Structures are given as structure tokens and as C-alpha cells.
Amino acid sequence: MNQPLAYVHPEARIAQNVVIEPFATIHKNVEIGEGTWIGSNAVIMEGAHIGRNCKIFPGAVVSSVPQDLKFAGEVTTTIIGDNTVIREFVTVSRGTVDKMKTVIGSNCLIMSYAHVAHDCTVGDNCIIGNAVQMAGHVEVGDFAIISATSAVHQFVKVGIHAFISGGSKVLKDVPPFVKAAREPLSYAGINSVGLRRRGFVSEQINEIQQIYRILFMSGINNSQALDKIELELPPSRERDEITNFLRGSGRGIIKSYFSKDAD
């Protein structure tokens, strides 16, 4: 249902049961899935592909031109999964030639005033807090939570089920399943409360704790810790998720608050 005071470009592809409130603007080359609600004064710009049953609140701008001086007008996209909520005044930039797309997964909550820059990838079931500022090329794994007013450096990776405390300056990669807090941002234990809420059993949580004790508490470097983890612990989904993340880290990982290196 399109309100007569909304502007919808004739080339936009709008599914059934989409509600577009007055004063919303929908540009060309936009796709909006069934059951999605677009609030007043939201702007959905060229290249946006929005899934089903999403909610885009007033003042949000989705798929704006990247804030990247190297951007040369290439045809890129912004992809928003199903059931995702984008709150007031969120801005999401579309991709550049690097990845050609910016992606926010399904069942996410992007809170007010957050910014998701060009070529970012946010997984499913993530929460991005109020006024979180994500620079370009950031990768956020499924079920991760980045708390309010945190700033995430470009090319940083955040692992699945990680939790980052509010007001953090995220300059290094944050491994899966951990809590990151304090200044400088440091390992502060595993996200045991979040893991239990998501159905992880004690054996899995204990294994994750054992891995991070080796990595952060044993006084050896990361390469030695990886070898020790793979030698002493049998393969599992959690072990392999952590070791693959560590090997794929481009910026290096956060230190432990409890180690001398974190001082």
C-alpha cells in the first residue's frame, strides 16, 4: 500500500503487502520484499535489495553512494535480509568495486544513528547498537553484538557470537564467542551468557574456554597457541571456527586484558 504522498520510482520493484508511508522516497533499481514497512521520510536509494517483513524507520537512508573518494560510479548494491529492523536515521552505504555490495543479514536489529559503510558484511541475527559507526569493509559474524557508540575501524572482523561493550574503539579483530571490553579493547572472557541463551551446552562452552585459555593465558604467541590448540583438542565446529578466524585475521586480534601485552 503506497501512500499518495510517498514517491516511488516507476522502475522500483515492490512486492505485495508492502507499506510505504507518506514522504518516503523509493529510487529506481530498488527491490522491496513482501510485508516490508517503509516509514515516513525514509529514503531507499538505487541498488537496494530489501527482503521480506523488514521495518525501515523514519529518517533512515539505505544504499546511499559510498563515502569513498575512489568510488567511480560503478553499479553496486545494498542487500538487506528478511525480518531485519533498521531504526531511525541509520545510514547504509552501497558497495564499491571491492565487493560490489554491502550486506546486512536476516533477523538483525540496526539501532538508531548507526552507520554501516560500503562493502561491510553483517551476518544474521546481529545487533548493532545506537550510533555504532562502522567503517568500510568491516565483517561481522552471525549473532554478534556491537554495543552503542562503538567505532569499528575499516577491515576489522568480528567473529560469530562475539559481544563488544559500549563505547569501544575497535581497531583489531575480535575472535568468535568472546566478550571484548575496556580500553584498549581487550579479551574479557567468553560470551557465556549469550552462548547459553543460544543453546550452547556446557561441554561446548568449556571447550571454548579451554581454547581461549591457551590463546590468551599461556604466555605463548598466537602461532604457537594455534599449534597447541590443534594438537591438544579434537576437531569440532567451535574449535575450527576459532582457528580459521585466527588464521584469516588481517589486522591481528585483540590482546587479553589479563596479559602483560594488554598494558
C-alpha atoms as a PDB file:
ATOM      1  CA  MET A   1       0.000   0.000   0.000  1.00  0.00           C
ATOM      2  CA  ASN A   2       1.663   3.215  -1.187  1.00  0.00           C
ATOM      3  CA  GLN A   3       0.549   6.493   0.330  1.00  0.00           C
ATOM      4  CA  PRO A   4      -0.101   9.189  -2.285  1.00  0.00           C
ATOM      5  CA  LEU A   5       2.443  11.490  -0.629  1.00  0.00           C
ATOM      6  CA  ALA A   6       5.268   8.938  -0.984  1.00  0.00           C
ATOM      7  CA  TYR A   7       7.486   8.949  -4.085  1.00  0.00           C
ATOM      8  CA  VAL A   8       8.086   5.553  -5.707  1.00  0.00           C
ATOM      9  CA  HIS A   9      10.107   5.442  -8.902  1.00  0.00           C
ATOM     10  CA  PRO A  10       8.234   3.581 -11.662  1.00  0.00           C
ATOM     11  CA  GLU A  11      11.181   1.187 -12.106  1.00  0.00           C
ATOM     12  CA  ALA A  12      11.199   0.133  -8.441  1.00  0.00           C
ATOM     13  CA  ARG A  13      10.006  -3.443  -7.859  1.00  0.00           C
ATOM     14  CA  ILE A  14       7.656  -3.517  -4.887  1.00  0.00           C
ATOM     15  CA  ALA A  15       6.158  -6.831  -3.711  1.00  0.00           C
ATOM     16  CA  GLN A  16       2.672  -7.339  -2.319  1.00  0.00           C
ATOM     17  CA  ASN A  17       1.683  -6.109   1.126  1.00  0.00           C
ATOM     18  CA  VAL A  18       4.486  -3.554   1.306  1.00  0.00           C
ATOM     19  CA  VAL A  19       3.527  -0.409   3.226  1.00  0.00           C
ATOM     20  CA  ILE A  20       5.237   2.827   2.173  1.00  0.00           C
ATOM     21  CA  GLU A  21       4.319   5.711   4.455  1.00  0.00           C
ATOM     22  CA  PRO A  22       3.896   9.379   3.406  1.00  0.00           C
ATOM     23  CA  PHE A  23       7.030  11.281   2.405  1.00  0.00           C
ATOM     24  CA  ALA A  24       9.145   8.150   1.963  1.00  0.00           C
ATOM     25  CA  THR A  25      11.256   8.091  -1.226  1.00  0.00           C
ATOM     26  CA  ILE A  26      11.984   4.955  -3.246  1.00  0.00           C
ATOM     27  CA  HIS A  27      14.522   5.340  -6.073  1.00  0.00           C
ATOM     28  CA  LYS A  28      14.898   3.286  -9.248  1.00  0.00           C
ATOM     29  CA  ASN A  29      16.528  -0.163  -9.318  1.00  0.00           C
ATOM     30  CA  VAL A  30      15.156  -0.934  -5.873  1.00  0.00           C
ATOM     31  CA  GLU A  31      13.587  -4.225  -4.791  1.00  0.00           C
ATOM     32  CA  ILE A  32      11.423  -4.487  -1.664  1.00  0.00           C
ATOM     33  CA  GLY A  33      10.140  -7.842  -0.440  1.00  0.00           C
ATOM     34  CA  GLU A  34       6.675  -8.806   0.686  1.00  0.00           C
ATOM     35  CA  GLY A  35       5.406  -7.485   4.001  1.00  0.00           C
ATOM     36  CA  THR A  36       8.080  -4.833   4.477  1.00  0.00           C
ATOM     37  CA  TRP A  37       7.222  -1.466   6.060  1.00  0.00           C
ATOM     38  CA  ILE A  38       8.948   1.761   4.966  1.00  0.00           C
ATOM     39  CA  GLY A  39       8.452   4.628   7.419  1.00  0.00           C
ATOM     40  CA  SER A  40       7.877   8.276   6.629  1.00  0.00           C
ATOM     41  CA  ASN A  41      10.924  10.199   5.395  1.00  0.00           C
ATOM     42  CA  ALA A  42      12.966   7.041   4.877  1.00  0.00           C
ATOM     43  CA  VAL A  43      14.978   7.091   1.644  1.00  0.00           C
ATOM     44  CA  ILE A  44      15.686   3.860  -0.235  1.00  0.00           C
ATOM     45  CA  MET A  45      18.262   4.657  -2.892  1.00  0.00           C
ATOM     46  CA  GLU A  46      19.368   2.952  -6.081  1.00  0.00           C
ATOM     47  CA  GLY A  47      20.717  -0.568  -5.714  1.00  0.00           C
ATOM     48  CA  ALA A  48      18.818  -1.521  -2.547  1.00  0.00           C
ATOM     49  CA  HIS A  49      17.506  -5.085  -2.338  1.00  0.00           C
ATOM     50  CA  ILE A  50      15.373  -5.325   0.805  1.00  0.00           C
ATOM     51  CA  GLY A  51      13.964  -8.644   1.982  1.00  0.00           C
ATOM     52  CA  ARG A  52      10.601  -9.672   3.365  1.00  0.00           C
ATOM     53  CA  ASN A  53       8.990  -8.378   6.550  1.00  0.00           C
ATOM     54  CA  CYS A  54      11.616  -5.729   7.208  1.00  0.00           C
ATOM     55  CA  LYS A  55      10.973  -2.460   9.020  1.00  0.00           C
ATOM     56  CA  ILE A  56      12.781   0.686   7.859  1.00  0.00           C
ATOM     57  CA  PHE A  57      12.078   3.518  10.316  1.00  0.00           C
ATOM     58  CA  PRO A  58      11.725   7.256   9.569  1.00  0.00           C
ATOM     59  CA  GLY A  59      14.864   9.106   8.529  1.00  0.00           C
ATOM     60  CA  ALA A  60      16.863   6.011   7.568  1.00  0.00           C
ATOM     61  CA  VAL A  61      18.843   6.146   4.316  1.00  0.00           C
ATOM     62  CA  VAL A  62      19.594   2.785   2.691  1.00  0.00           C
ATOM     63  CA  SER A  63      22.005   2.283  -0.231  1.00  0.00           C
ATOM     64  CA  SER A  64      23.457   5.774  -0.431  1.00  0.00           C
ATOM     65  CA  VAL A  65      26.530   6.438  -2.584  1.00  0.00           C
ATOM     66  CA  PRO A  66      29.680   5.282  -0.713  1.00  0.00           C
ATOM     67  CA  GLN A  67      31.681   7.823   1.265  1.00  0.00           C
ATOM     68  CA  ASP A  68      34.797   6.700  -0.592  1.00  0.00           C
ATOM     69  CA  LEU A  69      36.717   9.090  -2.841  1.00  0.00           C
ATOM     70  CA  LYS A  70      37.778   6.152  -5.006  1.00  0.00           C
ATOM     71  CA  PHE A  71      34.162   5.392  -5.908  1.00  0.00           C
ATOM     72  CA  ALA A  72      33.746   5.942  -9.644  1.00  0.00           C
ATOM     73  CA  GLY A  73      30.027   5.394 -10.076  1.00  0.00           C
ATOM     74  CA  GLU A  74      30.160   1.622 -10.534  1.00  0.00           C
ATOM     75  CA  VAL A  75      26.828  -0.201 -10.317  1.00  0.00           C
ATOM     76  CA  THR A  76      26.720  -1.749  -6.848  1.00  0.00           C
ATOM     77  CA  THR A  77      24.099  -2.889  -4.374  1.00  0.00           C
ATOM     78  CA  THR A  78      22.947  -2.998  -0.772  1.00  0.00           C
ATOM     79  CA  ILE A  79      21.330  -6.251   0.332  1.00  0.00           C
ATOM     80  CA  ILE A  80      19.119  -6.413   3.438  1.00  0.00           C
ATOM     81  CA  GLY A  81      17.894  -9.837   4.591  1.00  0.00           C
ATOM     82  CA  ASP A  82      14.439 -10.834   5.784  1.00  0.00           C
ATOM     83  CA  ASN A  83      12.945  -9.665   9.098  1.00  0.00           C
ATOM     84  CA  THR A  84      15.626  -7.045   9.696  1.00  0.00           C
ATOM     85  CA  VAL A  85      14.802  -3.807  11.521  1.00  0.00           C
ATOM     86  CA  ILE A  86      16.600  -0.582  10.619  1.00  0.00           C
ATOM     87  CA  ARG A  87      15.791   2.157  13.101  1.00  0.00           C
ATOM     88  CA  GLU A  88      15.646   5.945  12.853  1.00  0.00           C
ATOM     89  CA  PHE A  89      18.440   7.776  10.973  1.00  0.00           C
ATOM     90  CA  VAL A  90      20.523   4.718  10.227  1.00  0.00           C
ATOM     91  CA  THR A  91      22.690   5.142   7.122  1.00  0.00           C
ATOM     92  CA  VAL A  92      23.836   2.233   4.960  1.00  0.00           C
ATOM     93  CA  SER A  93      26.153   2.839   2.001  1.00  0.00           C
ATOM     94  CA  ARG A  94      26.189   0.578  -1.030  1.00  0.00           C
ATOM     95  CA  GLY A  95      29.299  -1.279  -2.152  1.00  0.00           C
ATOM     96  CA  THR A  96      32.290  -0.266  -4.219  1.00  0.00           C
ATOM     97  CA  VAL A  97      34.397  -2.158  -6.734  1.00  0.00           C
ATOM     98  CA  ASP A  98      35.981  -4.069  -3.825  1.00  0.00           C
ATOM     99  CA  LYS A  99      32.979  -6.316  -3.069  1.00  0.00           C
ATOM    100  CA  MET A 100      30.297  -4.661  -5.218  1.00  0.00           C
ATOM    101  CA  LYS A 101      27.815  -4.925  -2.348  1.00  0.00           C
ATOM    102  CA  THR A 102      27.095  -4.086   1.255  1.00  0.00           C
ATOM    103  CA  VAL A 103      25.198  -6.846   3.073  1.00  0.00           C
ATOM    104  CA  ILE A 104      23.112  -6.907   6.244  1.00  0.00           C
ATOM    105  CA  GLY A 105      21.711 -10.342   7.010  1.00  0.00           C
ATOM    106  CA  SER A 106      18.328 -11.563   8.220  1.00  0.00           C
ATOM    107  CA  ASN A 107      16.802 -11.019  11.674  1.00  0.00           C
ATOM    108  CA  CYS A 108      19.145  -8.137  12.505  1.00  0.00           C
ATOM    109  CA  LEU A 109      18.480  -5.020  14.559  1.00  0.00           C
ATOM    110  CA  ILE A 110      20.368  -1.908  13.476  1.00  0.00           C
ATOM    111  CA  MET A 111      19.639   0.757  16.096  1.00  0.00           C
ATOM    112  CA  SER A 112      19.226   4.496  15.615  1.00  0.00           C
ATOM    113  CA  TYR A 113      22.010   6.643  14.143  1.00  0.00           C
ATOM    114  CA  ALA A 114      24.238   3.672  13.301  1.00  0.00           C
ATOM    115  CA  HIS A 115      26.310   3.806  10.113  1.00  0.00           C
ATOM    116  CA  VAL A 116      27.166   0.746   8.026  1.00  0.00           C
ATOM    117  CA  ALA A 117      29.716   1.784   5.424  1.00  0.00           C
ATOM    118  CA  HIS A 118      30.463   0.491   1.934  1.00  0.00           C
ATOM    119  CA  ASP A 119      31.411  -3.164   1.441  1.00  0.00           C
ATOM    120  CA  CYS A 120      30.550  -4.160   5.012  1.00  0.00           C
ATOM    121  CA  THR A 121      29.097  -7.598   5.656  1.00  0.00           C
ATOM    122  CA  VAL A 122      26.872  -8.087   8.709  1.00  0.00           C
ATOM    123  CA  GLY A 123      25.698 -11.645   9.361  1.00  0.00           C
ATOM    124  CA  ASP A 124      22.326 -12.941  10.513  1.00  0.00           C
ATOM    125  CA  ASN A 125      20.824 -12.259  13.951  1.00  0.00           C
ATOM    126  CA  CYS A 126      23.205  -9.390  14.738  1.00  0.00           C
ATOM    127  CA  ILE A 127      22.545  -6.363  16.927  1.00  0.00           C
ATOM    128  CA  ILE A 128      24.286  -3.101  16.063  1.00  0.00           C
ATOM    129  CA  GLY A 129      23.715  -0.593  18.875  1.00  0.00           C
ATOM    130  CA  ASN A 130      22.756   3.063  18.776  1.00  0.00           C
ATOM    131  CA  ALA A 131      25.297   5.301  16.989  1.00  0.00           C
ATOM    132  CA  VAL A 132      27.742   2.499  16.196  1.00  0.00           C
ATOM    133  CA  GLN A 133      29.976   3.718  13.368  1.00  0.00           C
ATOM    134  CA  MET A 134      31.320   1.014  11.057  1.00  0.00           C
ATOM    135  CA  ALA A 135      33.967   1.986   8.507  1.00  0.00           C
ATOM    136  CA  GLY A 136      34.287   0.284   5.134  1.00  0.00           C
ATOM    137  CA  HIS A 137      34.951  -3.425   4.556  1.00  0.00           C
ATOM    138  CA  VAL A 138      34.067  -4.496   8.118  1.00  0.00           C
ATOM    139  CA  GLU A 139      32.881  -8.107   8.568  1.00  0.00           C
ATOM    140  CA  VAL A 140      30.564  -9.050  11.434  1.00  0.00           C
ATOM    141  CA  GLY A 141      29.690 -12.699  12.095  1.00  0.00           C
ATOM    142  CA  ASP A 142      26.289 -14.177  12.923  1.00  0.00           C
ATOM    143  CA  PHE A 143      24.811 -13.402  16.361  1.00  0.00           C
ATOM    144  CA  ALA A 144      27.439 -10.749  17.125  1.00  0.00           C
ATOM    145  CA  ILE A 145      26.507  -7.726  19.237  1.00  0.00           C
ATOM    146  CA  ILE A 146      28.266  -4.372  18.953  1.00  0.00           C
ATOM    147  CA  SER A 147      27.060  -2.094  21.739  1.00  0.00           C
ATOM    148  CA  ALA A 148      26.179   1.580  21.456  1.00  0.00           C
ATOM    149  CA  THR A 149      28.570   4.309  20.274  1.00  0.00           C
ATOM    150  CA  SER A 150      31.373   1.912  19.355  1.00  0.00           C
ATOM    151  CA  ALA A 151      33.606   2.821  16.407  1.00  0.00           C
ATOM    152  CA  VAL A 152      34.849  -0.004  14.189  1.00  0.00           C
ATOM    153  CA  HIS A 153      37.990   0.523  12.077  1.00  0.00           C
ATOM    154  CA  GLN A 154      37.927  -0.393   8.380  1.00  0.00           C
ATOM    155  CA  PHE A 155      38.688  -4.028   7.509  1.00  0.00           C
ATOM    156  CA  VAL A 156      38.094  -5.205  11.089  1.00  0.00           C
ATOM    157  CA  LYS A 157      36.482  -8.633  11.535  1.00  0.00           C
ATOM    158  CA  VAL A 158      34.150  -9.531  14.402  1.00  0.00           C
ATOM    159  CA  GLY A 159      33.582 -13.240  14.989  1.00  0.00           C
ATOM    160  CA  ILE A 160      30.317 -15.079  15.463  1.00  0.00           C
ATOM    161  CA  HIS A 161      28.623 -14.761  18.877  1.00  0.00           C
ATOM    162  CA  ALA A 162      31.077 -12.031  19.951  1.00  0.00           C
ATOM    163  CA  PHE A 163      29.983  -9.230  22.267  1.00  0.00           C
ATOM    164  CA  ILE A 164      31.631  -5.778  22.192  1.00  0.00           C
ATOM    165  CA  SER A 165      30.935  -3.398  25.060  1.00  0.00           C
ATOM    166  CA  GLY A 166      29.565   0.102  24.585  1.00  0.00           C
ATOM    167  CA  GLY A 167      31.795   2.992  23.584  1.00  0.00           C
ATOM    168  CA  SER A 168      34.562   0.727  22.303  1.00  0.00           C
ATOM    169  CA  LYS A 169      37.248   1.671  19.807  1.00  0.00           C
ATOM    170  CA  VAL A 170      37.588  -1.493  17.720  1.00  0.00           C
ATOM    171  CA  LEU A 171      40.979  -1.397  15.999  1.00  0.00           C
ATOM    172  CA  LYS A 172      41.775  -5.132  15.956  1.00  0.00           C
ATOM    173  CA  ASP A 173      39.816  -8.251  15.044  1.00  0.00           C
ATOM    174  CA  VAL A 174      37.539  -9.667  17.748  1.00  0.00           C
ATOM    175  CA  PRO A 175      37.524 -13.509  17.747  1.00  0.00           C
ATOM    176  CA  PRO A 176      34.373 -15.658  17.885  1.00  0.00           C
ATOM    177  CA  PHE A 177      32.485 -16.329  21.125  1.00  0.00           C
ATOM    178  CA  VAL A 178      34.309 -13.708  23.231  1.00  0.00           C
ATOM    179  CA  LYS A 179      33.482 -10.580  25.212  1.00  0.00           C
ATOM    180  CA  ALA A 180      35.585  -7.547  24.333  1.00  0.00           C
ATOM    181  CA  ALA A 181      35.765  -4.589  26.699  1.00  0.00           C
ATOM    182  CA  ARG A 182      37.966  -1.955  28.361  1.00  0.00           C
ATOM    183  CA  GLU A 183      40.469   0.451  26.809  1.00  0.00           C
ATOM    184  CA  PRO A 184      42.373  -0.559  24.804  1.00  0.00           C
ATOM    185  CA  LEU A 185      39.762  -3.075  23.679  1.00  0.00           C
ATOM    186  CA  SER A 186      40.743  -6.439  25.133  1.00  0.00           C
ATOM    187  CA  TYR A 187      39.612 -10.018  25.621  1.00  0.00           C
ATOM    188  CA  ALA A 188      37.444 -10.078  28.760  1.00  0.00           C
ATOM    189  CA  GLY A 189      36.309 -13.717  28.817  1.00  0.00           C
ATOM    190  CA  ILE A 190      33.944 -15.678  26.640  1.00  0.00           C
ATOM    191  CA  ASN A 191      30.362 -14.654  25.967  1.00  0.00           C
ATOM    192  CA  SER A 192      28.999 -17.448  28.149  1.00  0.00           C
ATOM    193  CA  VAL A 193      25.643 -15.794  28.904  1.00  0.00           C
ATOM    194  CA  GLY A 194      24.946 -15.193  25.213  1.00  0.00           C
ATOM    195  CA  LEU A 195      26.053 -18.695  24.287  1.00  0.00           C
ATOM    196  CA  ARG A 196      23.745 -20.307  26.842  1.00  0.00           C
ATOM    197  CA  ARG A 197      20.852 -18.207  25.607  1.00  0.00           C
ATOM    198  CA  ARG A 198      21.509 -19.551  22.119  1.00  0.00           C
ATOM    199  CA  GLY A 199      21.533 -23.202  23.152  1.00  0.00           C
ATOM    200  CA  PHE A 200      25.216 -23.941  23.667  1.00  0.00           C
ATOM    201  CA  VAL A 201      25.700 -26.744  26.205  1.00  0.00           C
ATOM    202  CA  SER A 202      28.294 -26.856  28.989  1.00  0.00           C
ATOM    203  CA  GLU A 203      30.655 -29.096  27.032  1.00  0.00           C
ATOM    204  CA  GLN A 204      30.825 -26.615  24.158  1.00  0.00           C
ATOM    205  CA  ILE A 205      31.301 -23.645  26.485  1.00  0.00           C
ATOM    206  CA  ASN A 206      34.048 -25.450  28.408  1.00  0.00           C
ATOM    207  CA  GLU A 207      35.848 -26.259  25.156  1.00  0.00           C
ATOM    208  CA  ILE A 208      35.719 -22.601  24.067  1.00  0.00           C
ATOM    209  CA  GLN A 209      37.068 -21.538  27.465  1.00  0.00           C
ATOM    210  CA  GLN A 210      39.906 -24.035  27.164  1.00  0.00           C
ATOM    211  CA  ILE A 211      40.841 -22.722  23.714  1.00  0.00           C
ATOM    212  CA  TYR A 212      40.997 -19.121  24.891  1.00  0.00           C
ATOM    213  CA  ARG A 213      42.998 -20.058  27.986  1.00  0.00           C
ATOM    214  CA  ILE A 214      45.622 -21.474  25.639  1.00  0.00           C
ATOM    215  CA  LEU A 215      45.467 -18.450  23.349  1.00  0.00           C
ATOM    216  CA  PHE A 216      45.425 -15.685  25.949  1.00  0.00           C
ATOM    217  CA  MET A 217      46.740 -17.142  29.228  1.00  0.00           C
ATOM    218  CA  SER A 218      49.574 -19.488  28.344  1.00  0.00           C
ATOM    219  CA  GLY A 219      52.222 -16.858  27.567  1.00  0.00           C
ATOM    220  CA  ILE A 220      52.958 -18.138  24.061  1.00  0.00           C
ATOM    221  CA  ASN A 221      52.484 -16.339  20.743  1.00  0.00           C
ATOM    222  CA  ASN A 222      49.450 -16.829  18.528  1.00  0.00           C
ATOM    223  CA  SER A 223      51.170 -19.225  16.111  1.00  0.00           C
ATOM    224  CA  GLN A 224      52.330 -21.433  18.948  1.00  0.00           C
ATOM    225  CA  ALA A 225      48.888 -21.260  20.529  1.00  0.00           C
ATOM    226  CA  LEU A 226      47.241 -22.376  17.269  1.00  0.00           C
ATOM    227  CA  ASP A 227      49.563 -25.381  17.078  1.00  0.00           C
ATOM    228  CA  LYS A 228      48.867 -26.262  20.707  1.00  0.00           C
ATOM    229  CA  ILE A 229      45.090 -25.929  20.265  1.00  0.00           C
ATOM    230  CA  GLU A 230      45.052 -28.212  17.231  1.00  0.00           C
ATOM    231  CA  LEU A 231      47.387 -30.720  18.890  1.00  0.00           C
ATOM    232  CA  GLU A 232      45.581 -30.980  22.201  1.00  0.00           C
ATOM    233  CA  LEU A 233      41.910 -30.506  21.251  1.00  0.00           C
ATOM    234  CA  PRO A 234      39.930 -32.713  18.836  1.00  0.00           C
ATOM    235  CA  PRO A 235      38.282 -31.099  15.809  1.00  0.00           C
ATOM    236  CA  SER A 236      34.904 -29.513  16.490  1.00  0.00           C
ATOM    237  CA  ARG A 237      32.762 -26.797  14.975  1.00  0.00           C
ATOM    238  CA  GLU A 238      33.774 -24.351  17.709  1.00  0.00           C
ATOM    239  CA  ARG A 239      37.486 -25.166  17.569  1.00  0.00           C
ATOM    240  CA  ASP A 240      37.609 -24.886  13.795  1.00  0.00           C
ATOM    241  CA  GLU A 241      35.630 -21.631  13.805  1.00  0.00           C
ATOM    242  CA  ILE A 242      38.193 -20.091  16.147  1.00  0.00           C
ATOM    243  CA  THR A 243      41.320 -21.424  14.427  1.00  0.00           C
ATOM    244  CA  ASN A 244      40.079 -20.453  10.957  1.00  0.00           C
ATOM    245  CA  PHE A 245      39.272 -16.961  12.217  1.00  0.00           C
ATOM    246  CA  LEU A 246      42.730 -16.557  13.729  1.00  0.00           C
ATOM    247  CA  ARG A 247      44.424 -17.681  10.534  1.00  0.00           C
ATOM    248  CA  GLY A 248      42.288 -15.315   8.456  1.00  0.00           C
ATOM    249  CA  SER A 249      42.877 -12.250  10.610  1.00  0.00           C
ATOM    250  CA  GLY A 250      44.351  -9.423   8.597  1.00  0.00           C
ATOM    251  CA  ARG A 251      44.626  -6.772  11.323  1.00  0.00           C
ATOM    252  CA  GLY A 252      45.621  -9.073  14.172  1.00  0.00           C
ATOM    253  CA  ILE A 253      43.419  -9.904  17.134  1.00  0.00           C
ATOM    254  CA  ILE A 254      42.762  -8.070  20.365  1.00  0.00           C
ATOM    255  CA  LYS A 255      45.012  -8.821  23.355  1.00  0.00           C
ATOM    256  CA  SER A 256      43.930 -10.174  26.699  1.00  0.00           C
ATOM    257  CA  TYR A 257      43.215  -7.627  29.402  1.00  0.00           C
ATOM    258  CA  PHE A 258      44.727 -10.098  31.840  1.00  0.00           C
ATOM    259  CA  SER A 259      48.059 -10.383  29.990  1.00  0.00           C
ATOM    260  CA  LYS A 260      51.084  -8.122  30.221  1.00  0.00           C
ATOM    261  CA  ASP A 261      50.724  -7.367  26.495  1.00  0.00           C
ATOM    262  CA  ALA A 262      47.470  -5.512  27.137  1.00  0.00           C
ATOM    263  CA  ASP A 263      49.081  -2.854  29.335  1.00  0.00           C
END
